[in-house]
mmCIF file of all heavy atoms, coordinates in Angstrom:
data_MODEL
# 
_entry.id   MODEL 
# 
loop_
_atom_site.group_PDB 
_atom_site.id 
_atom_site.type_symbol 
_atom_site.label_atom_id 
_atom_site.label_alt_id 
_atom_site.label_comp_id 
_atom_site.label_asym_id 
_atom_site.label_entity_id 
_atom_site.label_seq_id 
_atom_site.pdbx_PDB_ins_code 
_atom_site.Cartn_x 
_atom_site.Cartn_y 
_atom_site.Cartn_z 
_atom_site.occupancy 
_atom_site.B_iso_or_equiv 
_atom_site.pdbx_formal_charge 
_atom_site.auth_seq_id 
_atom_site.auth_comp_id 
_atom_site.auth_asym_id 
_atom_site.auth_atom_id 
_atom_site.pdbx_PDB_model_num 
ATOM 1   N N   . ALA A 1 1  ? 50.278 112.842 90.337  1.00 0.00 ? 1  ALA A N   1 
ATOM 2   C CA  . ALA A 1 1  ? 50.089 113.645 89.127  1.00 0.00 ? 1  ALA A CA  1 
ATOM 3   C C   . ALA A 1 1  ? 51.312 114.559 88.927  1.00 0.00 ? 1  ALA A C   1 
ATOM 4   O O   . ALA A 1 1  ? 51.682 114.810 87.773  1.00 0.00 ? 1  ALA A O   1 
ATOM 5   C CB  . ALA A 1 1  ? 48.816 114.476 89.271  1.00 0.00 ? 1  ALA A CB  1 
ATOM 6   N N   . THR A 1 2  ? 51.911 115.030 90.001  1.00 0.00 ? 2  THR A N   1 
ATOM 7   C CA  . THR A 1 2  ? 53.047 115.929 89.896  1.00 0.00 ? 2  THR A CA  1 
ATOM 8   C C   . THR A 1 2  ? 54.292 115.234 89.442  1.00 0.00 ? 2  THR A C   1 
ATOM 9   O O   . THR A 1 2  ? 55.006 115.687 88.535  1.00 0.00 ? 2  THR A O   1 
ATOM 10  C CB  . THR A 1 2  ? 53.302 116.638 91.262  1.00 0.00 ? 2  THR A CB  1 
ATOM 11  O OG1 . THR A 1 2  ? 52.121 117.356 91.586  1.00 0.00 ? 2  THR A OG1 1 
ATOM 12  C CG2 . THR A 1 2  ? 54.483 117.578 91.153  1.00 0.00 ? 2  THR A CG2 1 
ATOM 13  N N   . ILE A 1 3  ? 54.606 114.101 90.036  1.00 0.00 ? 3  ILE A N   1 
ATOM 14  C CA  . ILE A 1 3  ? 55.859 113.408 89.711  1.00 0.00 ? 3  ILE A CA  1 
ATOM 15  C C   . ILE A 1 3  ? 55.704 112.452 88.528  1.00 0.00 ? 3  ILE A C   1 
ATOM 16  O O   . ILE A 1 3  ? 56.688 112.105 87.878  1.00 0.00 ? 3  ILE A O   1 
ATOM 17  C CB  . ILE A 1 3  ? 56.488 112.671 90.897  1.00 0.00 ? 3  ILE A CB  1 
ATOM 18  C CG1 . ILE A 1 3  ? 55.627 111.551 91.422  1.00 0.00 ? 3  ILE A CG1 1 
ATOM 19  C CG2 . ILE A 1 3  ? 56.814 113.697 92.012  1.00 0.00 ? 3  ILE A CG2 1 
ATOM 20  C CD1 . ILE A 1 3  ? 56.309 110.704 92.500  1.00 0.00 ? 3  ILE A CD1 1 
ATOM 21  N N   . GLY A 1 4  ? 54.484 112.000 88.213  1.00 0.00 ? 4  GLY A N   1 
ATOM 22  C CA  . GLY A 1 4  ? 54.220 111.192 87.046  1.00 0.00 ? 4  GLY A CA  1 
ATOM 23  C C   . GLY A 1 4  ? 54.856 109.802 87.075  1.00 0.00 ? 4  GLY A C   1 
ATOM 24  O O   . GLY A 1 4  ? 55.098 109.186 86.046  1.00 0.00 ? 4  GLY A O   1 
ATOM 25  N N   . ARG A 1 5  ? 55.119 109.290 88.278  1.00 0.00 ? 5  ARG A N   1 
ATOM 26  C CA  . ARG A 1 5  ? 55.698 107.968 88.450  1.00 0.00 ? 5  ARG A CA  1 
ATOM 27  C C   . ARG A 1 5  ? 55.504 107.527 89.889  1.00 0.00 ? 5  ARG A C   1 
ATOM 28  O O   . ARG A 1 5  ? 55.044 108.325 90.728  1.00 0.00 ? 5  ARG A O   1 
ATOM 29  C CB  . ARG A 1 5  ? 57.203 108.006 88.123  1.00 0.00 ? 5  ARG A CB  1 
ATOM 30  C CG  . ARG A 1 5  ? 57.948 109.007 88.985  1.00 0.00 ? 5  ARG A CG  1 
ATOM 31  C CD  . ARG A 1 5  ? 59.439 108.984 88.760  1.00 0.00 ? 5  ARG A CD  1 
ATOM 32  N NE  . ARG A 1 5  ? 60.107 110.063 89.444  1.00 0.00 ? 5  ARG A NE  1 
ATOM 33  C CZ  . ARG A 1 5  ? 60.322 110.126 90.752  1.00 0.00 ? 5  ARG A CZ  1 
ATOM 34  N NH1 . ARG A 1 5  ? 59.954 109.153 91.558  1.00 0.00 ? 5  ARG A NH1 1 
ATOM 35  N NH2 . ARG A 1 5  ? 60.903 111.190 91.290  1.00 0.00 ? 5  ARG A NH2 1 
ATOM 36  N N   . ASP A 1 6  ? 55.863 106.310 90.193  1.00 0.00 ? 6  ASP A N   1 
ATOM 37  C CA  . ASP A 1 6  ? 55.840 105.851 91.575  1.00 0.00 ? 6  ASP A CA  1 
ATOM 38  C C   . ASP A 1 6  ? 57.079 106.391 92.324  1.00 0.00 ? 6  ASP A C   1 
ATOM 39  O O   . ASP A 1 6  ? 58.015 106.922 91.672  1.00 0.00 ? 6  ASP A O   1 
ATOM 40  C CB  . ASP A 1 6  ? 55.814 104.333 91.665  1.00 0.00 ? 6  ASP A CB  1 
ATOM 41  C CG  . ASP A 1 6  ? 55.238 103.796 92.966  1.00 0.00 ? 6  ASP A CG  1 
ATOM 42  O OD1 . ASP A 1 6  ? 54.697 104.636 93.740  1.00 0.00 ? 6  ASP A OD1 1 
ATOM 43  O OD2 . ASP A 1 6  ? 55.291 102.608 93.239  1.00 0.00 ? 6  ASP A OD2 1 
ATOM 44  N N   . LEU A 1 7  ? 57.107 106.272 93.610  1.00 0.00 ? 7  LEU A N   1 
ATOM 45  C CA  . LEU A 1 7  ? 58.212 106.783 94.406  1.00 0.00 ? 7  LEU A CA  1 
ATOM 46  C C   . LEU A 1 7  ? 59.476 105.909 94.201  1.00 0.00 ? 7  LEU A C   1 
ATOM 47  O O   . LEU A 1 7  ? 59.380 104.714 94.090  1.00 0.00 ? 7  LEU A O   1 
ATOM 48  C CB  . LEU A 1 7  ? 57.839 106.766 95.894  1.00 0.00 ? 7  LEU A CB  1 
ATOM 49  C CG  . LEU A 1 7  ? 56.671 107.654 96.294  1.00 0.00 ? 7  LEU A CG  1 
ATOM 50  C CD1 . LEU A 1 7  ? 56.413 107.465 97.779  1.00 0.00 ? 7  LEU A CD1 1 
ATOM 51  C CD2 . LEU A 1 7  ? 56.940 109.106 95.975  1.00 0.00 ? 7  LEU A CD2 1 
ATOM 52  N N   . SER A 1 8  ? 60.634 106.542 94.195  1.00 0.00 ? 8  SER A N   1 
ATOM 53  C CA  . SER A 1 8  ? 61.888 105.814 94.098  1.00 0.00 ? 8  SER A CA  1 
ATOM 54  C C   . SER A 1 8  ? 62.227 105.252 95.478  1.00 0.00 ? 8  SER A C   1 
ATOM 55  O O   . SER A 1 8  ? 61.630 105.621 96.503  1.00 0.00 ? 8  SER A O   1 
ATOM 56  C CB  . SER A 1 8  ? 63.031 106.744 93.655  1.00 0.00 ? 8  SER A CB  1 
ATOM 57  O OG  . SER A 1 8  ? 63.313 107.682 94.666  1.00 0.00 ? 8  SER A OG  1 
ATOM 58  N N   . LYS A 1 9  ? 63.225 104.381 95.545  1.00 0.00 ? 9  LYS A N   1 
ATOM 59  C CA  . LYS A 1 9  ? 63.629 103.770 96.811  1.00 0.00 ? 9  LYS A CA  1 
ATOM 60  C C   . LYS A 1 9  ? 64.101 104.874 97.763  1.00 0.00 ? 9  LYS A C   1 
ATOM 61  O O   . LYS A 1 9  ? 63.732 104.865 98.948  1.00 0.00 ? 9  LYS A O   1 
ATOM 62  C CB  . LYS A 1 9  ? 64.709 102.740 96.615  1.00 0.00 ? 9  LYS A CB  1 
ATOM 63  C CG  . LYS A 1 9  ? 65.149 102.103 97.940  1.00 0.00 ? 9  LYS A CG  1 
ATOM 64  C CD  . LYS A 1 9  ? 66.225 101.062 97.709  1.00 0.00 ? 9  LYS A CD  1 
ATOM 65  C CE  . LYS A 1 9  ? 66.723 100.430 99.025  1.00 0.00 ? 9  LYS A CE  1 
ATOM 66  N NZ  . LYS A 1 9  ? 66.531 101.066 100.240 1.00 0.00 ? 9  LYS A NZ  1 
ATOM 67  N N   . SER A 1 10 ? 64.903 105.795 97.305  1.00 0.00 ? 10 SER A N   1 
ATOM 68  C CA  . SER A 1 10 ? 65.383 106.851 98.227  1.00 0.00 ? 10 SER A CA  1 
ATOM 69  C C   . SER A 1 10 ? 64.269 107.760 98.706  1.00 0.00 ? 10 SER A C   1 
ATOM 70  O O   . SER A 1 10 ? 64.280 108.211 99.856  1.00 0.00 ? 10 SER A O   1 
ATOM 71  C CB  . SER A 1 10 ? 66.489 107.683 97.517  1.00 0.00 ? 10 SER A CB  1 
ATOM 72  O OG  . SER A 1 10 ? 65.992 108.346 96.421  1.00 0.00 ? 10 SER A OG  1 
ATOM 73  N N   . GLU A 1 11 ? 63.273 108.010 97.847  1.00 0.00 ? 11 GLU A N   1 
ATOM 74  C CA  . GLU A 1 11 ? 62.100 108.801 98.296  1.00 0.00 ? 11 GLU A CA  1 
ATOM 75  C C   . GLU A 1 11 ? 61.316 108.021 99.371  1.00 0.00 ? 11 GLU A C   1 
ATOM 76  O O   . GLU A 1 11 ? 60.899 108.598 100.371 1.00 0.00 ? 11 GLU A O   1 
ATOM 77  C CB  . GLU A 1 11 ? 61.203 109.133 97.142  1.00 0.00 ? 11 GLU A CB  1 
ATOM 78  C CG  . GLU A 1 11 ? 61.847 110.146 96.182  1.00 0.00 ? 11 GLU A CG  1 
ATOM 79  C CD  . GLU A 1 11 ? 61.126 110.245 94.851  1.00 0.00 ? 11 GLU A CD  1 
ATOM 80  O OE1 . GLU A 1 11 ? 60.434 109.300 94.423  1.00 0.00 ? 11 GLU A OE1 1 
ATOM 81  O OE2 . GLU A 1 11 ? 61.300 111.304 94.200  1.00 0.00 ? 11 GLU A OE2 1 
ATOM 82  N N   . ARG A 1 12 ? 61.143 106.747 99.140  1.00 0.00 ? 12 ARG A N   1 
ATOM 83  C CA  . ARG A 1 12 ? 60.411 105.917 100.141 1.00 0.00 ? 12 ARG A CA  1 
ATOM 84  C C   . ARG A 1 12 ? 61.144 105.826 101.434 1.00 0.00 ? 12 ARG A C   1 
ATOM 85  O O   . ARG A 1 12 ? 60.548 105.819 102.495 1.00 0.00 ? 12 ARG A O   1 
ATOM 86  C CB  . ARG A 1 12 ? 60.160 104.494 99.575  1.00 0.00 ? 12 ARG A CB  1 
ATOM 87  C CG  . ARG A 1 12 ? 59.199 104.452 98.373  1.00 0.00 ? 12 ARG A CG  1 
ATOM 88  C CD  . ARG A 1 12 ? 59.096 103.042 97.880  1.00 0.00 ? 12 ARG A CD  1 
ATOM 89  N NE  . ARG A 1 12 ? 58.331 102.223 98.785  1.00 0.00 ? 12 ARG A NE  1 
ATOM 90  C CZ  . ARG A 1 12 ? 56.995 102.195 98.814  1.00 0.00 ? 12 ARG A CZ  1 
ATOM 91  N NH1 . ARG A 1 12 ? 56.260 102.899 97.994  1.00 0.00 ? 12 ARG A NH1 1 
ATOM 92  N NH2 . ARG A 1 12 ? 56.369 101.406 99.685  1.00 0.00 ? 12 ARG A NH2 1 
ATOM 93  N N   . ASP A 1 13 ? 62.491 105.794 101.386 1.00 0.00 ? 13 ASP A N   1 
ATOM 94  C CA  . ASP A 1 13 ? 63.306 105.665 102.591 1.00 0.00 ? 13 ASP A CA  1 
ATOM 95  C C   . ASP A 1 13 ? 63.154 106.895 103.471 1.00 0.00 ? 13 ASP A C   1 
ATOM 96  O O   . ASP A 1 13 ? 63.377 106.811 104.680 1.00 0.00 ? 13 ASP A O   1 
ATOM 97  C CB  . ASP A 1 13 ? 64.777 105.480 102.224 1.00 0.00 ? 13 ASP A CB  1 
ATOM 98  C CG  . ASP A 1 13 ? 65.048 104.102 101.660 1.00 0.00 ? 13 ASP A CG  1 
ATOM 99  O OD1 . ASP A 1 13 ? 64.176 103.201 101.754 1.00 0.00 ? 13 ASP A OD1 1 
ATOM 100 O OD2 . ASP A 1 13 ? 66.161 103.925 101.090 1.00 0.00 ? 13 ASP A OD2 1 
ATOM 101 N N   . GLY A 1 14 ? 62.765 108.053 102.900 1.00 0.00 ? 14 GLY A N   1 
ATOM 102 C CA  . GLY A 1 14 ? 62.606 109.257 103.670 1.00 0.00 ? 14 GLY A CA  1 
ATOM 103 C C   . GLY A 1 14 ? 61.221 109.428 104.261 1.00 0.00 ? 14 GLY A C   1 
ATOM 104 O O   . GLY A 1 14 ? 60.961 110.434 104.957 1.00 0.00 ? 14 GLY A O   1 
ATOM 105 N N   . LEU A 1 15 ? 60.322 108.458 104.043 1.00 0.00 ? 15 LEU A N   1 
ATOM 106 C CA  . LEU A 1 15 ? 58.961 108.564 104.550 1.00 0.00 ? 15 LEU A CA  1 
ATOM 107 C C   . LEU A 1 15 ? 58.715 107.565 105.691 1.00 0.00 ? 15 LEU A C   1 
ATOM 108 O O   . LEU A 1 15 ? 59.488 106.596 105.839 1.00 0.00 ? 15 LEU A O   1 
ATOM 109 C CB  . LEU A 1 15 ? 57.991 108.263 103.406 1.00 0.00 ? 15 LEU A CB  1 
ATOM 110 C CG  . LEU A 1 15 ? 58.066 109.297 102.252 1.00 0.00 ? 15 LEU A CG  1 
ATOM 111 C CD1 . LEU A 1 15 ? 57.199 108.809 101.104 1.00 0.00 ? 15 LEU A CD1 1 
ATOM 112 C CD2 . LEU A 1 15 ? 57.557 110.637 102.742 1.00 0.00 ? 15 LEU A CD2 1 
ATOM 113 N N   . PRO A 1 16 ? 57.681 107.780 106.467 1.00 0.00 ? 16 PRO A N   1 
ATOM 114 C CA  . PRO A 1 16 ? 57.392 106.838 107.572 1.00 0.00 ? 16 PRO A CA  1 
ATOM 115 C C   . PRO A 1 16 ? 57.139 105.423 107.032 1.00 0.00 ? 16 PRO A C   1 
ATOM 116 O O   . PRO A 1 16 ? 56.705 105.242 105.891 1.00 0.00 ? 16 PRO A O   1 
ATOM 117 C CB  . PRO A 1 16 ? 56.112 107.409 108.187 1.00 0.00 ? 16 PRO A CB  1 
ATOM 118 C CG  . PRO A 1 16 ? 56.023 108.784 107.705 1.00 0.00 ? 16 PRO A CG  1 
ATOM 119 C CD  . PRO A 1 16 ? 56.722 108.862 106.424 1.00 0.00 ? 16 PRO A CD  1 
ATOM 120 N N   . PRO A 1 17 ? 57.361 104.410 107.826 1.00 0.00 ? 17 PRO A N   1 
ATOM 121 C CA  . PRO A 1 17 ? 57.133 103.031 107.394 1.00 0.00 ? 17 PRO A CA  1 
ATOM 122 C C   . PRO A 1 17 ? 55.643 102.776 107.236 1.00 0.00 ? 17 PRO A C   1 
ATOM 123 O O   . PRO A 1 17 ? 54.820 103.503 107.725 1.00 0.00 ? 17 PRO A O   1 
ATOM 124 C CB  . PRO A 1 17 ? 57.709 102.199 108.529 1.00 0.00 ? 17 PRO A CB  1 
ATOM 125 C CG  . PRO A 1 17 ? 57.715 103.095 109.699 1.00 0.00 ? 17 PRO A CG  1 
ATOM 126 C CD  . PRO A 1 17 ? 57.901 104.481 109.201 1.00 0.00 ? 17 PRO A CD  1 
ATOM 127 N N   . GLY A 1 18 ? 55.334 101.693 106.536 1.00 0.00 ? 18 GLY A N   1 
ATOM 128 C CA  . GLY A 1 18 ? 53.927 101.270 106.385 1.00 0.00 ? 18 GLY A CA  1 
ATOM 129 C C   . GLY A 1 18 ? 53.265 101.659 105.081 1.00 0.00 ? 18 GLY A C   1 
ATOM 130 O O   . GLY A 1 18 ? 52.061 101.496 104.942 1.00 0.00 ? 18 GLY A O   1 
ATOM 131 N N   . LEU A 1 19 ? 54.033 102.221 104.143 1.00 0.00 ? 19 LEU A N   1 
ATOM 132 C CA  . LEU A 1 19 ? 53.448 102.567 102.849 1.00 0.00 ? 19 LEU A CA  1 
ATOM 133 C C   . LEU A 1 19 ? 53.111 101.320 102.065 1.00 0.00 ? 19 LEU A C   1 
ATOM 134 O O   . LEU A 1 19 ? 53.792 100.291 102.225 1.00 0.00 ? 19 LEU A O   1 
ATOM 135 C CB  . LEU A 1 19 ? 54.434 103.397 102.024 1.00 0.00 ? 19 LEU A CB  1 
ATOM 136 C CG  . LEU A 1 19 ? 54.722 104.836 102.467 1.00 0.00 ? 19 LEU A CG  1 
ATOM 137 C CD1 . LEU A 1 19 ? 55.792 105.415 101.581 1.00 0.00 ? 19 LEU A CD1 1 
ATOM 138 C CD2 . LEU A 1 19 ? 53.480 105.652 102.391 1.00 0.00 ? 19 LEU A CD2 1 
ATOM 139 N N   . PRO A 1 20 ? 52.106 101.350 101.216 1.00 0.00 ? 20 PRO A N   1 
ATOM 140 C CA  . PRO A 1 20 ? 51.824 100.197 100.364 1.00 0.00 ? 20 PRO A CA  1 
ATOM 141 C C   . PRO A 1 20 ? 52.991 100.010 99.370  1.00 0.00 ? 20 PRO A C   1 
ATOM 142 O O   . PRO A 1 20 ? 53.804 100.938 99.136  1.00 0.00 ? 20 PRO A O   1 
ATOM 143 C CB  . PRO A 1 20 ? 50.529 100.594 99.620  1.00 0.00 ? 20 PRO A CB  1 
ATOM 144 C CG  . PRO A 1 20 ? 50.414 102.049 99.768  1.00 0.00 ? 20 PRO A CG  1 
ATOM 145 C CD  . PRO A 1 20 ? 51.171 102.452 101.014 1.00 0.00 ? 20 PRO A CD  1 
ATOM 146 N N   . ALA A 1 21 ? 53.062 98.854  98.748  1.00 0.00 ? 21 ALA A N   1 
ATOM 147 C CA  . ALA A 1 21 ? 54.110 98.539  97.803  1.00 0.00 ? 21 ALA A CA  1 
ATOM 148 C C   . ALA A 1 21 ? 54.176 99.545  96.690  1.00 0.00 ? 21 ALA A C   1 
ATOM 149 O O   . ALA A 1 21 ? 55.272 99.944  96.237  1.00 0.00 ? 21 ALA A O   1 
ATOM 150 C CB  . ALA A 1 21 ? 53.923 97.121  97.250  1.00 0.00 ? 21 ALA A CB  1 
ATOM 151 N N   . ARG A 1 22 ? 53.031 100.020 96.193  1.00 0.00 ? 22 ARG A N   1 
ATOM 152 C CA  . ARG A 1 22 ? 52.970 101.041 95.172  1.00 0.00 ? 22 ARG A CA  1 
ATOM 153 C C   . ARG A 1 22 ? 52.113 102.176 95.678  1.00 0.00 ? 22 ARG A C   1 
ATOM 154 O O   . ARG A 1 22 ? 50.992 101.960 96.118  1.00 0.00 ? 22 ARG A O   1 
ATOM 155 C CB  . ARG A 1 22 ? 52.344 100.520 93.871  1.00 0.00 ? 22 ARG A CB  1 
ATOM 156 C CG  . ARG A 1 22 ? 53.211 99.569  93.130  1.00 0.00 ? 22 ARG A CG  1 
ATOM 157 C CD  . ARG A 1 22 ? 52.627 99.257  91.752  1.00 0.00 ? 22 ARG A CD  1 
ATOM 158 N NE  . ARG A 1 22 ? 52.730 100.373 90.844  1.00 0.00 ? 22 ARG A NE  1 
ATOM 159 C CZ  . ARG A 1 22 ? 53.798 100.673 90.094  1.00 0.00 ? 22 ARG A CZ  1 
ATOM 160 N NH1 . ARG A 1 22 ? 54.834 99.880  90.182  1.00 0.00 ? 22 ARG A NH1 1 
ATOM 161 N NH2 . ARG A 1 22 ? 53.803 101.710 89.297  1.00 0.00 ? 22 ARG A NH2 1 
ATOM 162 N N   . VAL A 1 23 ? 52.657 103.371 95.652  1.00 0.00 ? 23 VAL A N   1 
ATOM 163 C CA  . VAL A 1 23 ? 51.898 104.551 96.086  1.00 0.00 ? 23 VAL A CA  1 
ATOM 164 C C   . VAL A 1 23 ? 51.097 105.111 94.908  1.00 0.00 ? 23 VAL A C   1 
ATOM 165 O O   . VAL A 1 23 ? 49.926 105.422 95.011  1.00 0.00 ? 23 VAL A O   1 
ATOM 166 C CB  . VAL A 1 23 ? 52.832 105.633 96.665  1.00 0.00 ? 23 VAL A CB  1 
ATOM 167 C CG1 . VAL A 1 23 ? 52.080 106.917 96.975  1.00 0.00 ? 23 VAL A CG1 1 
ATOM 168 C CG2 . VAL A 1 23 ? 53.539 105.102 97.924  1.00 0.00 ? 23 VAL A CG2 1 
ATOM 169 N N   . CYS A 1 24 ? 51.769 105.191 93.758  1.00 0.00 ? 24 CYS A N   1 
ATOM 170 C CA  . CYS A 1 24 ? 51.130 105.720 92.560  1.00 0.00 ? 24 CYS A CA  1 
ATOM 171 C C   . CYS A 1 24 ? 50.738 104.564 91.629  1.00 0.00 ? 24 CYS A C   1 
ATOM 172 O O   . CYS A 1 24 ? 51.462 103.614 91.509  1.00 0.00 ? 24 CYS A O   1 
ATOM 173 C CB  . CYS A 1 24 ? 52.082 106.659 91.817  1.00 0.00 ? 24 CYS A CB  1 
ATOM 174 S SG  . CYS A 1 24 ? 52.534 108.120 92.770  1.00 0.00 ? 24 CYS A SG  1 
ATOM 175 N N   . PRO A 1 25 ? 49.585 104.667 90.974  1.00 0.00 ? 25 PRO A N   1 
ATOM 176 C CA  . PRO A 1 25 ? 49.199 103.627 90.036  1.00 0.00 ? 25 PRO A CA  1 
ATOM 177 C C   . PRO A 1 25 ? 50.134 103.627 88.827  1.00 0.00 ? 25 PRO A C   1 
ATOM 178 O O   . PRO A 1 25 ? 51.003 104.479 88.702  1.00 0.00 ? 25 PRO A O   1 
ATOM 179 C CB  . PRO A 1 25 ? 47.791 104.035 89.628  1.00 0.00 ? 25 PRO A CB  1 
ATOM 180 C CG  . PRO A 1 25 ? 47.678 105.518 89.916  1.00 0.00 ? 25 PRO A CG  1 
ATOM 181 C CD  . PRO A 1 25 ? 48.613 105.745 91.051  1.00 0.00 ? 25 PRO A CD  1 
ATOM 182 N N   . VAL A 1 26 ? 49.965 102.661 87.974  1.00 0.00 ? 26 VAL A N   1 
ATOM 183 C CA  . VAL A 1 26 ? 50.793 102.550 86.764  1.00 0.00 ? 26 VAL A CA  1 
ATOM 184 C C   . VAL A 1 26 ? 50.604 103.801 85.911  1.00 0.00 ? 26 VAL A C   1 
ATOM 185 O O   . VAL A 1 26 ? 49.458 104.224 85.661  1.00 0.00 ? 26 VAL A O   1 
ATOM 186 C CB  . VAL A 1 26 ? 50.449 101.283 85.980  1.00 0.00 ? 26 VAL A CB  1 
ATOM 187 C CG1 . VAL A 1 26 ? 51.254 101.194 84.708  1.00 0.00 ? 26 VAL A CG1 1 
ATOM 188 C CG2 . VAL A 1 26 ? 50.655 100.060 86.861  1.00 0.00 ? 26 VAL A CG2 1 
ATOM 189 N N   . TRP A 1 27 ? 51.669 104.396 85.435  1.00 0.00 ? 27 TRP A N   1 
ATOM 190 C CA  . TRP A 1 27 ? 51.622 105.621 84.665  1.00 0.00 ? 27 TRP A CA  1 
ATOM 191 C C   . TRP A 1 27 ? 52.029 105.332 83.224  1.00 0.00 ? 27 TRP A C   1 
ATOM 192 O O   . TRP A 1 27 ? 52.843 104.506 82.942  1.00 0.00 ? 27 TRP A O   1 
ATOM 193 C CB  . TRP A 1 27 ? 52.558 106.657 85.256  1.00 0.00 ? 27 TRP A CB  1 
ATOM 194 C CG  . TRP A 1 27 ? 51.989 107.262 86.488  1.00 0.00 ? 27 TRP A CG  1 
ATOM 195 C CD1 . TRP A 1 27 ? 51.989 106.709 87.756  1.00 0.00 ? 27 TRP A CD1 1 
ATOM 196 C CD2 . TRP A 1 27 ? 51.281 108.468 86.638  1.00 0.00 ? 27 TRP A CD2 1 
ATOM 197 N NE1 . TRP A 1 27 ? 51.364 107.505 88.633  1.00 0.00 ? 27 TRP A NE1 1 
ATOM 198 C CE2 . TRP A 1 27 ? 50.916 108.612 87.977  1.00 0.00 ? 27 TRP A CE2 1 
ATOM 199 C CE3 . TRP A 1 27 ? 50.942 109.492 85.730  1.00 0.00 ? 27 TRP A CE3 1 
ATOM 200 C CZ2 . TRP A 1 27 ? 50.251 109.733 88.444  1.00 0.00 ? 27 TRP A CZ2 1 
ATOM 201 C CZ3 . TRP A 1 27 ? 50.267 110.601 86.199  1.00 0.00 ? 27 TRP A CZ3 1 
ATOM 202 C CH2 . TRP A 1 27 ? 49.922 110.714 87.554  1.00 0.00 ? 27 TRP A CH2 1 
ATOM 203 N N   . SER A 1 28 ? 51.454 106.100 82.292  1.00 0.00 ? 28 SER A N   1 
ATOM 204 C CA  . SER A 1 28 ? 51.839 106.047 80.878  1.00 0.00 ? 28 SER A CA  1 
ATOM 205 C C   . SER A 1 28 ? 51.718 107.428 80.304  1.00 0.00 ? 28 SER A C   1 
ATOM 206 O O   . SER A 1 28 ? 50.604 108.027 80.321  1.00 0.00 ? 28 SER A O   1 
ATOM 207 C CB  . SER A 1 28 ? 50.919 105.061 80.142  1.00 0.00 ? 28 SER A CB  1 
ATOM 208 O OG  . SER A 1 28 ? 51.221 105.095 78.765  1.00 0.00 ? 28 SER A OG  1 
# 
């Protein structure tokens, strides 16, 4: 809700492994 989009590649790279392909649902 805060970022209003899914995570970018650089944001994902800073997190532990094992995240699902999409963290945030589709946004509009």
